[in-house]
Amino acid sequence: MATDGTPPERASAPSVEALAREMERLAASGSLVREFDEHGESTFTAAQPASLPVVLAITFVGSLGTGLLWTGVPFVAEHDFGFTKAQNLWLAVAEGAAYVGVALLAGGLLRAMERRLSPRAVLGLVLLAQILICPLPFLGASGVVAAAVAASAASALMWPIVESYLSSGRHGHRLRWSVGLFNIAWTTAVAATLFLMAPLFQTQWTRLSVVGIGPCALIALACLRWLPPRPPPHLAGARQAPAPAVYRPLRDATRLLLPTSYLLIGAIGPLLPYVTSRLEVAATAATPLAATWLTVRVFAMLGMWRMQFWHGKWSTLLVGAVLMAAGFLAAASASSVSMLIVALAAFGTGHAIIYYASLYYAMTVGHAEVDAGGHFEALVGGGYVLGPLAGLLGSAVGVGEQWFAMALAAVAAMLAAREWLRWRRAVC
């Protein structure tokens, strides 16, 4: 009531024109979908998440291209062009640097482009760029380098967009289930690439495997017609049950361990062609053998997805870190094929544990940084840069390519252990 006893004025109802403008604005932002009936009358419905099968299809074929880039190029460079170990490590540094640079700028680039283009259109342009890049290896060694660096930069812009289509509009169990399938899709595709390119090692044209990035991008481009122009917004009112207190320090520890795991991947990738050569592995068997860790990682990811006994346990991170570190050292210095297989299996299992635990705790605590596009991709790319750089430093001072990488990993492991000590003090 007003102080003078007169009733307060009622707020005037919005006009039909104002409501129509607001509905148009929500439709333009992706919060609503506008549809027309046979009489030309329009209706608005809440936007639904992007089709999961379509997102997974794009993820699978896109990851075939990514696998060719990160795991196949070192073998191509060594086999077709005679790259030395140091040259392959420098190539990995260049790829990682391009990935980091674009990933850090991805958010700003997308916001700038969205004034004229939808995220789906930007994704289409990235895939088109990959198609144009793929013939470069026919220009020789410089063409392989250019294709690898350019494809790396394109991937850094592609994956944040795909991840936004995966996660936007999904929450709780539905989101965790979708991300689990996403992990199975991309790890399976990356593992498949080294098997698919093996027959090419009977020729001097293994560079054709890099050209395979183009057809993969073309298939992904064809799938875009089933994606909405932009991912739907997250539901503002979605709530999740509060996470156990231990999940937050576990999440903080995995923030250190996850980039470190990619540091070790960045170091081992360029070295494997020379390890298999030293063990006198046939050229056609080298890439399937190197794919051991990628194949085992798929099954370990599947186990992490389906089982829950590891939730909230610090021992899970310890097992993952030990397996990955031990597998890395044993693979780099393997004296037999059987030793290399066991070492790579341990390496792949360790990475799966660390990656999946990182993803789970980030989502459950409610921030989902590990799946949050550009910044997470930059951390992954940073590992790809530091790994080969550590290998180059180790080679330069004569202590072995693997030891500098392990020194950096040990520092990150000690910082992660500090999170455990803080938690122990808090609960004791």
Protein backbone atom coordinates (compact mmCIF):
# COMPACT_ATOMS: atom_id res chain seq x y z
CA MET A 1 0.00 0.00 0.00
CA ALA A 2 1.13 3.55 -0.66
CA THR A 3 1.76 5.80 2.38
CA ASP A 4 -1.15 8.07 1.47
CA GLY A 5 -3.61 5.18 1.48
CA THR A 6 -4.02 4.95 -2.28
CA PRO A 7 -3.43 1.58 -3.89
CA PRO A 8 -0.11 1.22 -5.75
CA GLU A 9 -0.17 1.37 -9.53
CA ARG A 10 -0.02 -1.97 -11.23
CA ALA A 11 2.86 -2.57 -13.58
CA SER A 12 1.60 -2.28 -17.09
CA ALA A 13 1.56 -5.55 -19.03
CA PRO A 14 4.04 -5.76 -21.91
CA SER A 15 2.58 -5.13 -25.31
CA VAL A 16 2.18 -7.84 -27.90
CA GLU A 17 4.90 -6.18 -29.95
CA ALA A 18 7.31 -6.23 -26.96
CA LEU A 19 6.60 -9.91 -26.33
CA ALA A 20 7.16 -10.70 -30.00
CA ARG A 21 10.52 -8.88 -29.94
CA GLU A 22 11.58 -10.79 -26.81
CA MET A 23 10.61 -14.11 -28.40
CA GLU A 24 12.60 -13.19 -31.51
CA ARG A 25 15.59 -12.31 -29.34
CA LEU A 26 15.43 -15.65 -27.51
CA ALA A 27 15.13 -17.48 -30.81
CA ALA A 28 18.17 -15.64 -32.18
CA SER A 29 20.19 -16.60 -29.08
CA GLY A 30 19.25 -20.27 -29.45
CA SER A 31 17.11 -20.43 -26.30
CA LEU A 32 13.97 -21.01 -28.37
CA VAL A 33 13.29 -22.66 -31.72
CA ARG A 34 10.84 -20.98 -34.11
CA GLU A 35 8.72 -23.23 -36.29
CA PHE A 36 6.00 -22.45 -38.86
CA ASP A 37 2.84 -24.46 -39.50
CA GLU A 38 1.10 -24.97 -42.84
CA HIS A 39 -0.77 -21.66 -42.40
CA GLY A 40 2.42 -19.66 -41.86
CA GLU A 41 1.74 -19.22 -38.16
CA SER A 42 4.87 -19.38 -36.00
CA THR A 43 5.32 -21.21 -32.70
CA PHE A 44 8.23 -21.21 -30.28
CA THR A 45 9.55 -24.23 -28.39
CA ALA A 46 12.45 -24.62 -25.98
CA ALA A 47 15.72 -25.47 -27.72
CA GLN A 48 16.87 -29.06 -27.31
CA PRO A 49 20.49 -30.25 -27.00
CA ALA A 50 22.22 -31.12 -30.25
CA SER A 51 21.66 -34.70 -31.42
CA LEU A 52 24.14 -36.89 -29.54
CA PRO A 53 24.60 -39.39 -32.43
CA VAL A 54 25.47 -36.50 -34.76
CA VAL A 55 27.95 -35.01 -32.28
CA LEU A 56 29.54 -38.44 -31.76
CA ALA A 57 29.78 -39.02 -35.53
CA ILE A 58 31.58 -35.69 -35.98
CA THR A 59 33.78 -36.53 -33.00
CA PHE A 60 34.75 -39.92 -34.44
CA VAL A 61 35.67 -38.79 -37.95
CA GLY A 62 37.29 -35.61 -36.62
CA SER A 63 39.39 -37.67 -34.22
CA LEU A 64 40.56 -39.87 -37.07
CA GLY A 65 42.10 -36.72 -38.50
CA THR A 66 43.49 -35.70 -35.11
CA GLY A 67 45.02 -39.15 -34.67
CA LEU A 68 46.72 -38.89 -38.04
CA LEU A 69 48.12 -35.54 -36.96
CA TRP A 70 49.46 -36.28 -33.48
CA THR A 71 50.39 -39.95 -33.78
CA GLY A 72 50.84 -40.56 -37.50
CA VAL A 73 52.94 -37.59 -38.63
CA PRO A 74 56.12 -38.61 -36.70
CA PHE A 75 56.11 -41.96 -38.51
CA VAL A 76 55.48 -40.28 -41.87
CA ALA A 77 58.27 -37.75 -41.33
CA GLU A 78 60.74 -40.48 -40.33
CA HIS A 79 59.74 -43.00 -43.03
CA ASP A 80 59.18 -40.81 -46.11
CA PHE A 81 61.51 -37.89 -45.44
CA GLY A 82 64.20 -39.25 -43.12
CA PHE A 83 63.56 -36.84 -40.25
CA THR A 84 66.00 -37.26 -37.39
CA LYS A 85 64.77 -37.66 -33.83
CA ALA A 86 65.55 -34.00 -33.11
CA GLN A 87 63.71 -32.83 -36.24
CA ASN A 88 60.64 -34.83 -35.26
CA LEU A 89 60.73 -33.32 -31.76
CA TRP A 90 60.96 -29.80 -33.21
CA LEU A 91 58.00 -30.58 -35.48
CA ALA A 92 56.01 -31.66 -32.42
CA VAL A 93 56.96 -28.38 -30.69
CA ALA A 94 55.70 -26.39 -33.69
CA GLU A 95 52.42 -28.33 -33.77
CA GLY A 96 51.88 -27.85 -30.05
CA ALA A 97 52.71 -24.13 -30.18
CA ALA A 98 50.18 -23.61 -32.98
CA TYR A 99 47.57 -25.53 -30.98
CA VAL A 100 48.17 -23.49 -27.81
CA GLY A 101 48.10 -20.15 -29.62
CA VAL A 102 44.81 -20.79 -31.39
CA ALA A 103 43.20 -22.48 -28.37
CA LEU A 104 43.91 -19.45 -26.17
CA LEU A 105 42.34 -17.18 -28.78
CA ALA A 106 39.43 -19.52 -29.58
CA GLY A 107 36.90 -17.84 -27.29
CA GLY A 108 37.60 -14.33 -28.59
CA LEU A 109 37.68 -15.51 -32.20
CA LEU A 110 34.32 -17.23 -31.88
CA ARG A 111 32.72 -14.23 -30.20
CA ALA A 112 34.00 -11.96 -32.96
CA MET A 113 32.80 -14.32 -35.70
CA GLU A 114 29.36 -14.80 -34.13
CA ARG A 115 28.41 -11.29 -35.18
CA ARG A 116 28.22 -12.64 -38.73
CA LEU A 117 28.47 -16.43 -38.45
CA SER A 118 26.90 -19.10 -36.27
CA PRO A 119 29.13 -21.61 -34.44
CA ARG A 120 27.98 -24.23 -36.96
CA ALA A 121 29.17 -22.03 -39.83
CA VAL A 122 32.53 -21.46 -38.12
CA LEU A 123 32.90 -25.21 -37.64
CA GLY A 124 32.14 -25.66 -41.32
CA LEU A 125 34.89 -23.19 -42.28
CA VAL A 126 37.38 -25.01 -40.04
CA LEU A 127 36.55 -28.34 -41.66
CA LEU A 128 36.83 -26.76 -45.12
CA ALA A 129 40.27 -25.45 -44.18
CA GLN A 130 41.33 -28.98 -43.21
CA ILE A 131 40.20 -30.24 -46.62
CA LEU A 132 42.33 -27.58 -48.33
CA ILE A 133 45.33 -28.38 -46.12
CA CYS A 134 45.48 -32.13 -46.80
CA PRO A 135 47.25 -32.03 -50.25
CA LEU A 136 50.25 -30.14 -48.81
CA PRO A 137 52.33 -33.30 -48.05
CA PHE A 138 52.76 -33.79 -51.81
CA LEU A 139 55.01 -30.71 -51.76
CA GLY A 140 57.66 -32.63 -49.82
CA ALA A 141 59.02 -32.34 -46.30
CA SER A 142 58.11 -28.67 -46.03
CA GLY A 143 54.57 -29.53 -47.09
CA VAL A 144 54.26 -32.12 -44.31
CA VAL A 145 55.44 -29.56 -41.77
CA ALA A 146 53.01 -26.94 -43.09
CA ALA A 147 50.11 -29.42 -43.13
CA ALA A 148 50.83 -30.61 -39.59
CA VAL A 149 51.07 -27.08 -38.14
CA ALA A 150 48.01 -25.79 -40.02
CA ALA A 151 45.90 -28.84 -39.14
CA SER A 152 46.94 -28.44 -35.49
CA ALA A 153 45.78 -24.82 -35.48
CA ALA A 154 42.47 -25.80 -37.10
CA SER A 155 41.90 -28.56 -34.52
CA ALA A 156 42.39 -26.08 -31.67
CA LEU A 157 39.41 -24.09 -32.97
CA MET A 158 37.34 -27.12 -33.92
CA TRP A 159 37.23 -29.03 -30.63
CA PRO A 160 35.92 -26.25 -28.35
CA ILE A 161 32.96 -25.87 -30.73
CA VAL A 162 32.27 -29.62 -30.83
CA GLU A 163 32.52 -29.81 -27.03
CA SER A 164 30.03 -26.96 -26.66
CA TYR A 165 27.52 -28.86 -28.81
CA LEU A 166 28.13 -31.93 -26.65
CA SER A 167 27.66 -30.29 -23.25
CA SER A 168 25.21 -27.42 -23.84
CA GLY A 169 21.71 -28.21 -22.63
CA ARG A 170 22.81 -31.38 -20.81
CA HIS A 171 23.20 -31.67 -17.07
CA GLY A 172 23.88 -34.19 -14.33
CA HIS A 173 23.72 -37.86 -15.26
CA ARG A 174 22.74 -37.05 -18.84
CA LEU A 175 25.87 -34.93 -19.31
CA ARG A 176 28.17 -37.50 -17.68
CA TRP A 177 26.70 -40.27 -19.84
CA SER A 178 27.18 -38.19 -23.01
CA VAL A 179 30.75 -37.26 -22.16
CA GLY A 180 31.53 -40.91 -21.46
CA LEU A 181 30.38 -41.83 -24.97
CA PHE A 182 32.34 -38.87 -26.33
CA ASN A 183 35.51 -40.22 -24.72
CA ILE A 184 34.95 -43.70 -26.15
CA ALA A 185 34.37 -42.20 -29.62
CA TRP A 186 37.50 -40.07 -29.79
CA THR A 187 39.87 -42.56 -28.18
CA THR A 188 38.66 -45.35 -30.50
CA ALA A 189 39.19 -43.18 -33.56
CA VAL A 190 42.68 -42.08 -32.53
CA ALA A 191 43.68 -45.71 -31.90
CA ALA A 192 42.27 -46.80 -35.27
CA THR A 193 44.44 -44.39 -37.26
CA LEU A 194 47.71 -46.20 -36.60
CA PHE A 195 46.18 -49.50 -37.72
CA LEU A 196 44.63 -47.96 -40.84
CA MET A 197 47.89 -46.38 -42.01
CA ALA A 198 50.01 -49.54 -41.51
CA PRO A 199 49.63 -50.89 -45.10
CA LEU A 200 51.10 -47.65 -46.46
CA PHE A 201 54.45 -48.52 -44.90
CA GLN A 202 54.95 -51.08 -47.64
CA THR A 203 55.40 -48.05 -49.93
CA GLN A 204 57.29 -44.77 -49.86
CA TRP A 205 54.03 -42.86 -49.72
CA THR A 206 52.97 -42.97 -46.10
CA ARG A 207 52.30 -39.25 -46.53
CA LEU A 208 48.97 -40.34 -48.03
CA SER A 209 47.83 -40.97 -44.46
CA VAL A 210 48.10 -37.23 -43.74
CA VAL A 211 46.00 -36.60 -46.84
CA GLY A 212 43.36 -38.73 -45.11
CA ILE A 213 42.57 -35.74 -42.87
CA GLY A 214 40.67 -34.29 -45.85
CA PRO A 215 38.09 -37.08 -46.34
CA CYS A 216 37.54 -37.21 -42.58
CA ALA A 217 36.80 -33.48 -42.57
CA LEU A 218 34.50 -33.89 -45.58
CA ILE A 219 32.38 -36.50 -43.76
CA ALA A 220 32.20 -34.27 -40.67
CA LEU A 221 31.18 -31.36 -42.91
CA ALA A 222 28.31 -33.43 -44.30
CA CYS A 223 27.08 -34.12 -40.74
CA LEU A 224 26.70 -30.41 -39.94
CA ARG A 225 23.28 -30.24 -41.61
CA TRP A 226 21.84 -32.08 -38.57
CA LEU A 227 23.30 -29.65 -36.03
CA PRO A 228 21.43 -26.51 -34.92
CA PRO A 229 23.10 -23.22 -35.93
CA ARG A 230 24.29 -22.74 -32.35
CA PRO A 231 24.35 -24.87 -29.20
CA PRO A 232 21.38 -24.32 -26.86
CA PRO A 233 22.11 -22.45 -23.63
CA HIS A 234 22.58 -24.29 -20.36
CA LEU A 235 19.48 -24.52 -18.19
CA ALA A 236 19.83 -21.78 -15.60
CA GLY A 237 17.69 -23.64 -13.08
CA ALA A 238 19.44 -26.99 -13.38
CA ARG A 239 20.63 -28.25 -10.01
CA GLN A 240 22.94 -31.02 -9.01
CA ALA A 241 23.34 -32.72 -5.66
CA PRO A 242 26.20 -31.22 -3.66
CA ALA A 243 29.46 -33.06 -4.29
CA PRO A 244 31.38 -34.71 -1.44
CA ALA A 245 33.97 -32.40 0.11
CA VAL A 246 36.87 -34.52 -1.13
CA TYR A 247 35.91 -33.95 -4.76
CA ARG A 248 37.19 -30.37 -4.81
CA PRO A 249 40.80 -31.16 -3.80
CA LEU A 250 40.70 -34.17 -6.13
CA ARG A 251 39.67 -31.85 -8.95
CA ASP A 252 42.49 -29.45 -8.10
CA ALA A 253 45.01 -32.30 -8.14
CA THR A 254 43.84 -33.51 -11.55
CA ARG A 255 44.26 -30.00 -12.95
CA LEU A 256 47.99 -30.56 -12.44
CA LEU A 257 48.14 -34.20 -13.47
CA LEU A 258 46.15 -33.91 -16.68
CA PRO A 259 48.41 -31.42 -18.53
CA THR A 260 51.38 -33.43 -17.25
CA SER A 261 49.96 -36.57 -18.84
CA TYR A 262 49.88 -34.76 -22.19
CA LEU A 263 53.45 -33.64 -21.60
CA LEU A 264 54.45 -37.31 -21.50
CA ILE A 265 52.31 -38.05 -24.57
CA GLY A 266 54.01 -35.16 -26.38
CA ALA A 267 57.40 -36.62 -25.47
CA ILE A 268 56.75 -40.27 -26.31
CA GLY A 269 54.99 -39.70 -29.65
CA PRO A 270 58.01 -38.42 -31.62
CA LEU A 271 60.27 -41.07 -30.02
CA LEU A 272 58.24 -44.21 -30.83
CA PRO A 273 59.32 -44.42 -34.52
CA TYR A 274 62.93 -44.68 -33.34
CA VAL A 275 62.17 -47.12 -30.53
CA THR A 276 60.45 -49.49 -32.96
CA SER A 277 63.31 -49.04 -35.43
CA ARG A 278 65.88 -49.86 -32.73
CA LEU A 279 63.95 -53.02 -31.89
CA GLU A 280 63.95 -53.92 -35.61
CA VAL A 281 60.16 -53.95 -35.86
CA ALA A 282 58.94 -54.31 -39.46
CA ALA A 283 57.74 -51.01 -40.92
CA THR A 284 54.23 -52.35 -41.48
CA ALA A 285 53.99 -53.45 -37.84
CA ALA A 286 55.45 -50.29 -36.29
CA THR A 287 52.28 -48.21 -36.16
CA PRO A 288 50.00 -51.01 -34.89
CA LEU A 289 52.57 -51.71 -32.18
CA ALA A 290 52.75 -48.03 -31.28
CA ALA A 291 48.94 -48.04 -31.11
CA THR A 292 49.05 -50.42 -28.12
CA TRP A 293 48.68 -47.61 -25.61
CA LEU A 294 45.88 -45.99 -27.63
CA THR A 295 43.98 -49.27 -27.87
CA VAL A 296 44.35 -50.11 -24.19
CA ARG A 297 43.27 -46.55 -23.35
CA VAL A 298 39.90 -47.17 -25.04
CA PHE A 299 39.15 -50.18 -22.83
CA ALA A 300 40.38 -48.39 -19.71
CA MET A 301 38.11 -45.43 -20.53
CA LEU A 302 35.21 -47.83 -20.95
CA GLY A 303 35.94 -49.34 -17.54
CA MET A 304 36.15 -45.93 -15.88
CA TRP A 305 32.84 -44.98 -17.49
CA ARG A 306 30.96 -48.08 -16.39
CA MET A 307 32.43 -48.56 -12.89
CA GLN A 308 32.11 -46.23 -9.92
CA PHE A 309 34.24 -47.77 -7.17
CA TRP A 310 37.02 -45.24 -7.87
CA HIS A 311 34.90 -42.16 -7.14
CA GLY A 312 36.33 -40.02 -4.33
CA LYS A 313 39.51 -42.09 -3.90
CA TRP A 314 42.98 -40.53 -3.93
CA SER A 315 44.47 -43.95 -4.69
CA THR A 316 42.92 -43.76 -8.18
CA LEU A 317 45.07 -40.77 -9.08
CA LEU A 318 48.14 -42.41 -7.57
CA VAL A 319 47.64 -45.58 -9.62
CA GLY A 320 47.10 -43.56 -12.80
CA ALA A 321 50.21 -41.41 -12.26
CA VAL A 322 52.45 -44.38 -11.41
CA LEU A 323 51.25 -46.43 -14.40
CA MET A 324 51.79 -43.57 -16.81
CA ALA A 325 55.23 -42.60 -15.49
CA ALA A 326 56.48 -46.20 -15.32
CA GLY A 327 55.05 -46.98 -18.74
CA PHE A 328 56.68 -43.89 -20.24
CA LEU A 329 60.15 -44.71 -18.91
CA ALA A 330 59.90 -48.39 -19.83
CA ALA A 331 58.65 -47.65 -23.36
CA ALA A 332 61.41 -45.10 -24.06
CA SER A 333 64.11 -47.59 -23.00
CA ALA A 334 62.44 -50.86 -24.04
CA SER A 335 64.91 -53.65 -24.86
CA SER A 336 62.36 -56.00 -26.44
CA VAL A 337 59.04 -55.90 -28.23
CA SER A 338 57.26 -57.64 -25.34
CA MET A 339 58.63 -55.05 -22.91
CA LEU A 340 57.43 -52.25 -25.21
CA ILE A 341 53.92 -53.74 -25.41
CA VAL A 342 53.62 -54.03 -21.61
CA ALA A 343 55.03 -50.52 -21.12
CA LEU A 344 52.63 -48.96 -23.64
CA ALA A 345 49.69 -50.81 -22.09
CA ALA A 346 50.57 -49.35 -18.68
CA PHE A 347 51.02 -45.91 -20.25
CA GLY A 348 47.61 -46.01 -21.91
CA THR A 349 45.85 -47.25 -18.78
CA GLY A 350 47.46 -44.51 -16.70
CA HIS A 351 46.39 -41.79 -19.11
CA ALA A 352 42.82 -43.08 -19.23
CA ILE A 353 42.60 -43.03 -15.42
CA ILE A 354 43.96 -39.51 -15.12
CA TYR A 355 41.92 -38.09 -17.99
CA TYR A 356 38.61 -39.63 -16.95
CA ALA A 357 39.05 -38.76 -13.27
CA SER A 358 39.83 -35.16 -14.26
CA LEU A 359 36.70 -35.00 -16.35
CA TYR A 360 34.49 -36.56 -13.69
CA TYR A 361 35.58 -34.31 -10.82
CA ALA A 362 35.42 -31.16 -12.92
CA MET A 363 31.82 -31.89 -13.91
CA THR A 364 30.67 -33.10 -10.51
CA VAL A 365 32.02 -30.11 -8.63
CA GLY A 366 30.02 -28.05 -11.09
CA HIS A 367 32.56 -26.11 -13.11
CA ALA A 368 33.50 -28.60 -15.85
CA GLU A 369 36.75 -26.83 -16.68
CA VAL A 370 38.19 -29.98 -18.22
CA ASP A 371 35.48 -29.90 -20.86
CA ALA A 372 35.29 -26.12 -21.16
CA GLY A 373 36.81 -25.59 -24.56
CA GLY A 374 39.66 -23.27 -25.33
CA HIS A 375 41.46 -23.00 -22.00
CA PHE A 376 41.49 -26.75 -21.43
CA GLU A 377 42.62 -27.34 -25.00
CA ALA A 378 45.44 -24.84 -24.38
CA LEU A 379 46.56 -26.90 -21.37
CA VAL A 380 46.58 -30.02 -23.53
CA GLY A 381 48.56 -28.19 -26.22
CA GLY A 382 50.96 -26.90 -23.58
CA GLY A 383 51.75 -30.49 -22.69
CA TYR A 384 52.36 -31.24 -26.36
CA VAL A 385 54.87 -28.36 -26.45
CA LEU A 386 56.68 -29.08 -23.18
CA GLY A 387 57.03 -32.82 -23.84
CA PRO A 388 59.13 -32.60 -27.02
CA LEU A 389 61.00 -29.56 -25.66
CA ALA A 390 62.00 -31.63 -22.64
CA GLY A 391 63.12 -34.38 -25.02
CA LEU A 392 65.29 -31.93 -26.95
CA LEU A 393 66.88 -30.60 -23.75
CA GLY A 394 67.54 -34.11 -22.49
CA SER A 395 69.21 -35.02 -25.78
CA ALA A 396 71.26 -31.81 -25.80
CA VAL A 397 72.78 -32.42 -22.37
CA GLY A 398 73.23 -36.13 -23.02
CA VAL A 399 70.96 -37.57 -20.32
CA GLY A 400 68.34 -39.09 -22.63
CA GLU A 401 65.20 -37.60 -24.13
CA GLN A 402 62.88 -39.05 -21.49
CA TRP A 403 64.52 -37.76 -18.32
CA PHE A 404 63.77 -34.05 -18.65
CA ALA A 405 60.12 -34.91 -19.35
CA MET A 406 60.06 -37.07 -16.23
CA ALA A 407 61.61 -34.24 -14.18
CA LEU A 408 58.77 -31.90 -15.21
CA ALA A 409 56.22 -34.63 -14.49
CA ALA A 410 57.74 -35.17 -11.03
CA VAL A 411 57.31 -31.48 -10.18
CA ALA A 412 53.62 -31.62 -11.18
CA ALA A 413 53.15 -34.83 -9.18
CA MET A 414 54.58 -33.18 -6.06
CA LEU A 415 52.21 -30.23 -6.50
CA ALA A 416 49.31 -32.66 -6.85
CA ALA A 417 50.48 -34.46 -3.69
CA ARG A 418 50.35 -31.12 -1.90
CA GLU A 419 46.58 -31.07 -2.53
CA TRP A 420 46.32 -34.44 -0.78
CA LEU A 421 48.33 -33.16 2.20
CA ARG A 422 46.06 -30.10 2.50
CA TRP A 423 43.01 -32.35 2.45
CA ARG A 424 44.50 -34.64 5.12
CA ARG A 425 45.19 -31.69 7.41
CA ALA A 426 41.64 -30.43 6.90
CA VAL A 427 39.95 -33.72 7.80
CA CYS A 428 42.28 -34.82 10.60
